[in-house]
């Protein structure tokens, strides 16, 4: 039986966090292994599969390397950035 994606707002938030981290890695032309000073590569893979397991310290350390935009940070927490703000 094929895997199905999670439904609802939490499934969408998980997908958004994964996408934002992947976009940040691509934007900086890095690989997962380049984040090893912030988080163990195996742990990063596990947390990308289950983003709700990230702790704040890990996200802060990843942000120190990837420099998320304000809009990306808001999206990680399920908020929509306001226009012109």
Protein backbone atom coordinates (compact mmCIF):
# COMPACT_ATOMS: atom_id res chain seq x y z
CA UNK A 1 0.00 0.00 0.00
CA UNK A 2 1.47 3.42 -0.93
CA UNK A 3 2.33 5.89 1.75
CA UNK A 4 -0.10 8.75 2.10
CA UNK A 5 0.75 12.27 3.15
CA UNK A 6 -0.51 13.62 6.44
CA UNK A 7 -3.66 15.64 6.31
CA UNK A 8 -4.48 18.83 8.11
CA UNK A 9 -2.56 21.83 9.28
CA UNK A 10 0.18 19.86 11.07
CA UNK A 11 0.97 17.82 7.97
CA UNK A 12 1.20 21.03 5.99
CA UNK A 13 3.45 22.65 8.60
CA UNK A 14 5.79 19.64 8.57
CA UNK A 15 6.04 19.88 4.79
CA UNK A 16 6.67 23.63 5.02
CA UNK A 17 9.52 23.23 7.55
CA UNK A 18 11.18 20.58 5.37
CA UNK A 19 10.88 22.80 2.31
CA UNK A 20 12.24 25.89 4.07
CA UNK A 21 15.30 24.02 5.35
CA UNK A 22 15.91 22.50 1.91
CA UNK A 23 15.54 25.92 0.24
CA UNK A 24 18.00 27.43 2.74
CA UNK A 25 20.51 24.68 2.02
CA UNK A 26 20.15 25.20 -1.75
CA UNK A 27 20.31 29.00 -1.41
CA UNK A 28 23.68 28.75 0.36
CA UNK A 29 24.84 26.01 -2.09
CA UNK A 30 25.45 23.62 0.81
CA UNK A 31 24.78 19.97 1.52
CA UNK A 32 23.29 18.39 4.63
CA UNK A 33 26.82 17.48 5.73
CA UNK A 34 27.79 21.19 5.72
CA UNK A 35 25.42 21.74 8.67
CA UNK A 36 27.40 19.34 10.88
CA UNK A 37 28.59 22.19 13.09
CA UNK A 38 24.94 22.88 13.94
CA UNK A 39 23.44 19.39 14.00
CA UNK A 40 24.54 15.81 13.36
CA UNK A 41 23.86 14.78 9.77
CA UNK A 42 21.93 11.64 10.81
CA UNK A 43 19.90 13.70 13.28
CA UNK A 44 19.16 16.27 10.58
CA UNK A 45 17.78 13.58 8.28
CA UNK A 46 15.65 12.18 11.08
CA UNK A 47 14.35 15.61 12.07
CA UNK A 48 13.57 16.50 8.45
CA UNK A 49 11.36 13.40 8.36
CA UNK A 50 9.71 14.46 11.63
CA UNK A 51 10.15 18.26 11.87
CA UNK A 52 8.04 18.49 15.02
CA UNK A 53 10.99 16.89 16.83
CA UNK A 54 13.33 19.87 16.21
CA UNK A 55 14.15 21.71 19.39
CA UNK A 56 14.60 25.45 19.44
CA UNK A 57 18.37 25.26 19.97
CA UNK A 58 18.77 23.14 16.85
CA UNK A 59 16.72 25.57 14.79
CA UNK A 60 18.76 28.49 16.13
CA UNK A 61 22.03 26.78 15.19
CA UNK A 62 20.71 25.94 11.72
CA UNK A 63 19.52 29.54 11.32
CA UNK A 64 23.03 30.79 12.19
CA UNK A 65 24.23 29.02 9.05
CA UNK A 66 21.26 29.31 6.68
CA UNK A 67 19.98 32.76 7.74
CA UNK A 68 16.24 32.19 7.28
CA UNK A 69 14.21 35.20 6.17
CA UNK A 70 11.56 36.64 8.47
CA UNK A 71 8.87 35.29 6.13
CA UNK A 72 10.38 31.78 6.32
CA UNK A 73 10.46 31.87 10.12
CA UNK A 74 6.80 32.91 10.22
CA UNK A 75 5.88 30.15 7.78
CA UNK A 76 7.59 27.53 9.97
CA UNK A 77 5.16 28.43 12.74
CA UNK A 78 2.11 28.43 10.47
CA UNK A 79 1.83 32.19 10.12
CA UNK A 80 1.39 34.10 6.90
CA UNK A 81 3.61 37.18 6.54
CA UNK A 82 1.71 40.44 6.23
CA UNK A 83 2.07 42.38 3.01
CA UNK A 84 4.17 45.53 3.27
CA UNK A 85 5.06 44.82 6.91
